[in-house]
Amino acid sequence: IQGTEQTYTTWIPLGECPEELGSLTV
């Protein structure tokens, strides 16, 4: 992205997303 480090990503699954479907981890 660059620009500013104070950029934030919002991750939204389009439906139910259990871990086995590939959910996001931080």
PDB file of all heavy atoms in Angstrom:
ATOM      1  N   ILE A   1       0.823  -1.214   0.000  1.00  0.00           N
ATOM      2  CA  ILE A   1       0.000   0.000   0.000  1.00  0.00           C
ATOM      3  C   ILE A   1       0.853   1.258   0.000  1.00  0.00           C
ATOM      4  O   ILE A   1       0.685   2.152  -0.821  1.00  0.00           O
ATOM      5  CB  ILE A   1      -0.920   0.026   1.245  1.00  0.00           C
ATOM      6  CG1 ILE A   1      -1.814  -1.206   1.307  1.00  0.00           C
ATOM      7  CG2 ILE A   1      -1.775   1.293   1.233  1.00  0.00           C
ATOM      8  CD1 ILE A   1      -2.525  -1.351   2.635  1.00  0.00           C
ATOM      9  N   GLN A   2       1.750   1.364   0.971  1.00  0.00           N
ATOM     10  CA  GLN A   2       2.585   2.537   1.234  1.00  0.00           C
ATOM     11  C   GLN A   2       1.702   3.750   1.549  1.00  0.00           C
ATOM     12  O   GLN A   2       0.615   3.598   2.087  1.00  0.00           O
ATOM     13  CB  GLN A   2       3.580   2.742   0.098  1.00  0.00           C
ATOM     14  CG  GLN A   2       4.471   1.492  -0.081  1.00  0.00           C
ATOM     15  CD  GLN A   2       5.572   1.675  -1.077  1.00  0.00           C
ATOM     16  OE1 GLN A   2       6.368   2.589  -0.985  1.00  0.00           O
ATOM     17  NE2 GLN A   2       5.639   0.768  -2.053  1.00  0.00           N
ATOM     18  N   GLY A   3       2.159   4.954   1.236  1.00  0.00           N
ATOM     19  CA  GLY A   3       1.398   6.113   1.674  1.00  0.00           C
ATOM     20  C   GLY A   3       1.701   6.404   3.132  1.00  0.00           C
ATOM     21  O   GLY A   3       2.776   6.870   3.473  1.00  0.00           O
ATOM     22  N   THR A   4       0.777   6.067   4.022  1.00  0.00           N
ATOM     23  CA  THR A   4       0.980   6.209   5.459  1.00  0.00           C
ATOM     24  C   THR A   4       0.907   4.854   6.143  1.00  0.00           C
ATOM     25  O   THR A   4       0.098   4.003   5.753  1.00  0.00           O
ATOM     26  CB  THR A   4      -0.072   7.149   6.087  1.00  0.00           C
ATOM     27  OG1 THR A   4       0.087   7.154   7.513  1.00  0.00           O
ATOM     28  CG2 THR A   4      -1.500   6.710   5.763  1.00  0.00           C
ATOM     29  N   GLU A   5       1.737   4.661   7.172  1.00  0.00           N
ATOM     30  CA  GLU A   5       1.643   3.426   7.954  1.00  0.00           C
ATOM     31  C   GLU A   5       0.310   3.356   8.690  1.00  0.00           C
ATOM     32  O   GLU A   5      -0.137   2.267   9.061  1.00  0.00           O
ATOM     33  CB  GLU A   5       2.799   3.349   8.960  1.00  0.00           C
ATOM     34  CG  GLU A   5       4.161   3.139   8.298  1.00  0.00           C
ATOM     35  CD  GLU A   5       5.287   3.032   9.316  1.00  0.00           C
ATOM     36  OE1 GLU A   5       4.995   3.028  10.523  1.00  0.00           O
ATOM     37  OE2 GLU A   5       6.459   2.972   8.891  1.00  0.00           O
ATOM     38  N   GLN A   6      -0.324   4.501   8.905  1.00  0.00           N
ATOM     39  CA  GLN A   6      -1.622   4.521   9.582  1.00  0.00           C
ATOM     40  C   GLN A   6      -2.757   4.235   8.594  1.00  0.00           C
ATOM     41  O   GLN A   6      -3.786   4.918   8.554  1.00  0.00           O
ATOM     42  CB  GLN A   6      -1.834   5.872  10.265  1.00  0.00           C
ATOM     43  CG  GLN A   6      -0.828   6.185  11.353  1.00  0.00           C
ATOM     44  CD  GLN A   6      -0.773   5.103  12.430  1.00  0.00           C
ATOM     45  OE1 GLN A   6      -1.809   4.657  12.911  1.00  0.00           O
ATOM     46  NE2 GLN A   6       0.422   4.673  12.798  1.00  0.00           N
ATOM     47  N   THR A   7      -2.542   3.214   7.798  1.00  0.00           N
ATOM     48  CA  THR A   7      -3.577   2.659   6.936  1.00  0.00           C
ATOM     49  C   THR A   7      -4.037   1.352   7.565  1.00  0.00           C
ATOM     50  O   THR A   7      -3.226   0.599   8.114  1.00  0.00           O
ATOM     51  CB  THR A   7      -3.045   2.415   5.514  1.00  0.00           C
ATOM     52  OG1 THR A   7      -2.689   3.664   4.927  1.00  0.00           O
ATOM     53  CG2 THR A   7      -4.089   1.750   4.630  1.00  0.00           C
ATOM     54  N   TYR A   8      -5.326   1.099   7.488  1.00  0.00           N
ATOM     55  CA  TYR A   8      -5.914  -0.071   8.141  1.00  0.00           C
ATOM     56  C   TYR A   8      -6.742  -0.848   7.126  1.00  0.00           C
ATOM     57  O   TYR A   8      -7.509  -0.263   6.358  1.00  0.00           O
ATOM     58  CB  TYR A   8      -6.791   0.358   9.320  1.00  0.00           C
ATOM     59  CG  TYR A   8      -6.008   1.092  10.382  1.00  0.00           C
ATOM     60  CD1 TYR A   8      -5.708   2.443  10.252  1.00  0.00           C
ATOM     61  CD2 TYR A   8      -5.529   0.425  11.504  1.00  0.00           C
ATOM     62  CE1 TYR A   8      -4.953   3.121  11.202  1.00  0.00           C
ATOM     63  CE2 TYR A   8      -4.788   1.087  12.470  1.00  0.00           C
ATOM     64  CZ  TYR A   8      -4.498   2.431  12.305  1.00  0.00           C
ATOM     65  OH  TYR A   8      -3.749   3.087  13.252  1.00  0.00           O
ATOM     66  N   THR A   9      -6.563  -2.153   7.140  1.00  0.00           N
ATOM     67  CA  THR A   9      -7.344  -3.036   6.274  1.00  0.00           C
ATOM     68  C   THR A   9      -8.513  -3.611   7.058  1.00  0.00           C
ATOM     69  O   THR A   9      -8.363  -4.023   8.209  1.00  0.00           O
ATOM     70  CB  THR A   9      -6.479  -4.195   5.744  1.00  0.00           C
ATOM     71  OG1 THR A   9      -5.429  -3.664   4.931  1.00  0.00           O
ATOM     72  CG2 THR A   9      -7.307  -5.171   4.921  1.00  0.00           C
ATOM     73  N   THR A  10      -9.681  -3.627   6.421  1.00  0.00           N
ATOM     74  CA  THR A  10     -10.825  -4.352   6.963  1.00  0.00           C
ATOM     75  C   THR A  10     -11.027  -5.602   6.127  1.00  0.00           C
ATOM     76  O   THR A  10     -11.182  -5.506   4.904  1.00  0.00           O
ATOM     77  CB  THR A  10     -12.106  -3.499   6.930  1.00  0.00           C
ATOM     78  OG1 THR A  10     -11.935  -2.366   7.779  1.00  0.00           O
ATOM     79  CG2 THR A  10     -13.296  -4.303   7.426  1.00  0.00           C
ATOM     80  N   TRP A  11     -11.003  -6.758   6.774  1.00  0.00           N
ATOM     81  CA  TRP A  11     -11.240  -8.035   6.093  1.00  0.00           C
ATOM     82  C   TRP A  11     -12.618  -8.525   6.493  1.00  0.00           C
ATOM     83  O   TRP A  11     -12.927  -8.648   7.685  1.00  0.00           O
ATOM     84  CB  TRP A  11     -10.176  -9.061   6.491  1.00  0.00           C
ATOM     85  CG  TRP A  11     -10.245 -10.358   5.721  1.00  0.00           C
ATOM     86  CD1 TRP A  11      -9.692 -10.613   4.496  1.00  0.00           C
ATOM     87  CD2 TRP A  11     -10.894 -11.579   6.126  1.00  0.00           C
ATOM     88  NE1 TRP A  11      -9.950 -11.914   4.120  1.00  0.00           N
ATOM     89  CE2 TRP A  11     -10.688 -12.523   5.093  1.00  0.00           C
ATOM     90  CE3 TRP A  11     -11.634 -11.944   7.246  1.00  0.00           C
ATOM     91  CZ2 TRP A  11     -11.193 -13.823   5.157  1.00  0.00           C
ATOM     92  CZ3 TRP A  11     -12.142 -13.241   7.326  1.00  0.00           C
ATOM     93  CH2 TRP A  11     -11.917 -14.167   6.281  1.00  0.00           C
ATOM     94  N   ILE A  12     -13.449  -8.796   5.484  1.00  0.00           N
ATOM     95  CA  ILE A  12     -14.826  -9.215   5.727  1.00  0.00           C
ATOM     96  C   ILE A  12     -15.119 -10.446   4.883  1.00  0.00           C
ATOM     97  O   ILE A  12     -15.061 -10.381   3.642  1.00  0.00           O
ATOM     98  CB  ILE A  12     -15.830  -8.103   5.354  1.00  0.00           C
ATOM     99  CG1 ILE A  12     -15.486  -6.785   6.063  1.00  0.00           C
ATOM    100  CG2 ILE A  12     -17.264  -8.534   5.671  1.00  0.00           C
ATOM    101  CD1 ILE A  12     -16.251  -5.593   5.533  1.00  0.00           C
ATOM    102  N   PRO A  13     -15.436 -11.581   5.489  1.00  0.00           N
ATOM    103  CA  PRO A  13     -15.847 -12.737   4.693  1.00  0.00           C
ATOM    104  C   PRO A  13     -17.276 -12.532   4.195  1.00  0.00           C
ATOM    105  O   PRO A  13     -18.112 -11.965   4.902  1.00  0.00           O
ATOM    106  CB  PRO A  13     -15.759 -13.904   5.682  1.00  0.00           C
ATOM    107  CG  PRO A  13     -15.994 -13.268   7.017  1.00  0.00           C
ATOM    108  CD  PRO A  13     -15.427 -11.876   6.937  1.00  0.00           C
ATOM    109  N   LEU A  14     -17.535 -12.987   2.986  1.00  0.00           N
ATOM    110  CA  LEU A  14     -18.875 -12.841   2.410  1.00  0.00           C
ATOM    111  C   LEU A  14     -19.701 -14.086   2.726  1.00  0.00           C
ATOM    112  O   LEU A  14     -20.025 -14.887   1.861  1.00  0.00           O
ATOM    113  CB  LEU A  14     -18.769 -12.599   0.903  1.00  0.00           C
ATOM    114  CG  LEU A  14     -17.996 -11.346   0.498  1.00  0.00           C
ATOM    115  CD1 LEU A  14     -17.908 -11.240  -1.018  1.00  0.00           C
ATOM    116  CD2 LEU A  14     -18.608 -10.089   1.097  1.00  0.00           C
ATOM    117  N   GLY A  15     -20.014 -14.232   3.992  1.00  0.00           N
ATOM    118  CA  GLY A  15     -20.736 -15.395   4.487  1.00  0.00           C
ATOM    119  C   GLY A  15     -20.028 -15.977   5.699  1.00  0.00           C
ATOM    120  O   GLY A  15     -19.004 -15.462   6.147  1.00  0.00           O
ATOM    121  N   GLU A  16     -20.575 -17.037   6.231  1.00  0.00           N
ATOM    122  CA  GLU A  16     -19.936 -17.719   7.356  1.00  0.00           C
ATOM    123  C   GLU A  16     -18.548 -18.200   6.934  1.00  0.00           C
ATOM    124  O   GLU A  16     -18.362 -18.717   5.825  1.00  0.00           O
ATOM    125  CB  GLU A  16     -20.771 -18.921   7.791  1.00  0.00           C
ATOM    126  CG  GLU A  16     -22.214 -18.591   8.173  1.00  0.00           C
ATOM    127  CD  GLU A  16     -22.315 -18.062   9.590  1.00  0.00           C
ATOM    128  OE1 GLU A  16     -21.435 -18.389  10.406  1.00  0.00           O
ATOM    129  OE2 GLU A  16     -23.266 -17.320   9.873  1.00  0.00           O
ATOM    130  N   CYS A  17     -17.563 -18.040   7.807  1.00  0.00           N
ATOM    131  CA  CYS A  17     -16.199 -18.455   7.454  1.00  0.00           C
ATOM    132  C   CYS A  17     -15.523 -19.099   8.654  1.00  0.00           C
ATOM    133  O   CYS A  17     -14.795 -18.435   9.408  1.00  0.00           O
ATOM    134  CB  CYS A  17     -15.381 -17.272   6.953  1.00  0.00           C
ATOM    135  SG  CYS A  17     -13.765 -17.763   6.272  1.00  0.00           S
ATOM    136  N   PRO A  18     -15.743 -20.405   8.864  1.00  0.00           N
ATOM    137  CA  PRO A  18     -15.003 -21.109   9.916  1.00  0.00           C
ATOM    138  C   PRO A  18     -13.535 -21.243   9.543  1.00  0.00           C
ATOM    139  O   PRO A  18     -13.149 -21.010   8.386  1.00  0.00           O
ATOM    140  CB  PRO A  18     -15.705 -22.477   9.958  1.00  0.00           C
ATOM    141  CG  PRO A  18     -16.261 -22.660   8.587  1.00  0.00           C
ATOM    142  CD  PRO A  18     -16.647 -21.281   8.113  1.00  0.00           C
ATOM    143  N   GLU A  19     -12.721 -21.623  10.499  1.00  0.00           N
ATOM    144  CA  GLU A  19     -11.275 -21.717  10.255  1.00  0.00           C
ATOM    145  C   GLU A  19     -10.949 -22.594   9.051  1.00  0.00           C
ATOM    146  O   GLU A  19     -10.076 -22.258   8.245  1.00  0.00           O
ATOM    147  CB  GLU A  19     -10.568 -22.250  11.507  1.00  0.00           C
ATOM    148  CG  GLU A  19     -10.555 -21.287  12.680  1.00  0.00           C
ATOM    149  CD  GLU A  19      -9.815 -21.842  13.882  1.00  0.00           C
ATOM    150  OE1 GLU A  19      -8.921 -22.685  13.675  1.00  0.00           O
ATOM    151  OE2 GLU A  19     -10.126 -21.445  15.023  1.00  0.00           O
ATOM    152  N   GLU A  20     -11.649 -23.721   8.897  1.00  0.00           N
ATOM    153  CA  GLU A  20     -11.305 -24.653   7.826  1.00  0.00           C
ATOM    154  C   GLU A  20     -11.630 -24.102   6.437  1.00  0.00           C
ATOM    155  O   GLU A  20     -11.146 -24.625   5.429  1.00  0.00           O
ATOM    156  CB  GLU A  20     -12.009 -25.995   8.026  1.00  0.00           C
ATOM    157  CG  GLU A  20     -13.529 -25.929   8.025  1.00  0.00           C
ATOM    158  CD  GLU A  20     -14.113 -25.759   9.420  1.00  0.00           C
ATOM    159  OE1 GLU A  20     -13.388 -25.284  10.316  1.00  0.00           O
ATOM    160  OE2 GLU A  20     -15.302 -26.109   9.598  1.00  0.00           O
ATOM    161  N   LEU A  21     -12.445 -23.043   6.364  1.00  0.00           N
ATOM    162  CA  LEU A  21     -12.738 -22.431   5.072  1.00  0.00           C
ATOM    163  C   LEU A  21     -11.661 -21.413   4.693  1.00  0.00           C
ATOM    164  O   LEU A  21     -11.610 -20.965   3.545  1.00  0.00           O
ATOM    165  CB  LEU A  21     -14.121 -21.762   5.104  1.00  0.00           C
ATOM    166  CG  LEU A  21     -14.684 -21.235   3.785  1.00  0.00           C
ATOM    167  CD1 LEU A  21     -14.771 -22.332   2.730  1.00  0.00           C
ATOM    168  CD2 LEU A  21     -16.045 -20.594   3.998  1.00  0.00           C
ATOM    169  N   GLY A  22     -10.788 -21.076   5.651  1.00  0.00           N
ATOM    170  CA  GLY A  22      -9.691 -20.166   5.341  1.00  0.00           C
ATOM    171  C   GLY A  22      -9.848 -18.799   5.954  1.00  0.00           C
ATOM    172  O   GLY A  22      -9.631 -17.782   5.281  1.00  0.00           O
ATOM    173  N   SER A  23     -10.211 -18.744   7.219  1.00  0.00           N
ATOM    174  CA  SER A  23     -10.391 -17.445   7.875  1.00  0.00           C
ATOM    175  C   SER A  23      -9.048 -16.748   8.082  1.00  0.00           C
ATOM    176  O   SER A  23      -7.987 -17.357   7.955  1.00  0.00           O
ATOM    177  CB  SER A  23     -11.119 -17.606   9.217  1.00  0.00           C
ATOM    178  OG  SER A  23     -10.364 -18.396  10.114  1.00  0.00           O
ATOM    179  N   LEU A  24      -9.110 -15.462   8.406  1.00  0.00           N
ATOM    180  CA  LEU A  24      -7.908 -14.646   8.558  1.00  0.00           C
ATOM    181  C   LEU A  24      -7.361 -14.748   9.977  1.00  0.00           C
ATOM    182  O   LEU A  24      -8.122 -14.816  10.942  1.00  0.00           O
ATOM    183  CB  LEU A  24      -8.232 -13.179   8.254  1.00  0.00           C
ATOM    184  CG  LEU A  24      -7.007 -12.274   8.165  1.00  0.00           C
ATOM    185  CD1 LEU A  24      -6.519 -12.214   6.724  1.00  0.00           C
ATOM    186  CD2 LEU A  24      -7.326 -10.870   8.654  1.00  0.00           C
ATOM    187  N   THR A  25      -6.047 -14.719  10.100  1.00  0.00           N
ATOM    188  CA  THR A  25      -5.388 -14.713  11.402  1.00  0.00           C
ATOM    189  C   THR A  25      -4.383 -13.563  11.451  1.00  0.00           C
ATOM    190  O   THR A  25      -3.832 -13.169  10.425  1.00  0.00           O
ATOM    191  CB  THR A  25      -4.650 -16.044  11.680  1.00  0.00           C
ATOM    192  OG1 THR A  25      -3.555 -16.171  10.771  1.00  0.00           O
ATOM    193  CG2 THR A  25      -5.579 -17.224  11.511  1.00  0.00           C
ATOM    194  N   VAL A  26      -4.161 -13.040  12.645  1.00  0.00           N
ATOM    195  CA  VAL A  26      -3.266 -11.898  12.839  1.00  0.00           C
ATOM    196  C   VAL A  26      -2.227 -12.243  13.898  1.00  0.00           C
ATOM    197  O   VAL A  26      -2.547 -12.884  14.913  1.00  0.00           O
ATOM    198  CB  VAL A  26      -4.059 -10.644  13.273  1.00  0.00           C
ATOM    199  CG1 VAL A  26      -3.123  -9.479  13.563  1.00  0.00           C
ATOM    200  CG2 VAL A  26      -5.063 -10.249  12.196  1.00  0.00           C
TER     201      VAL A  26
END
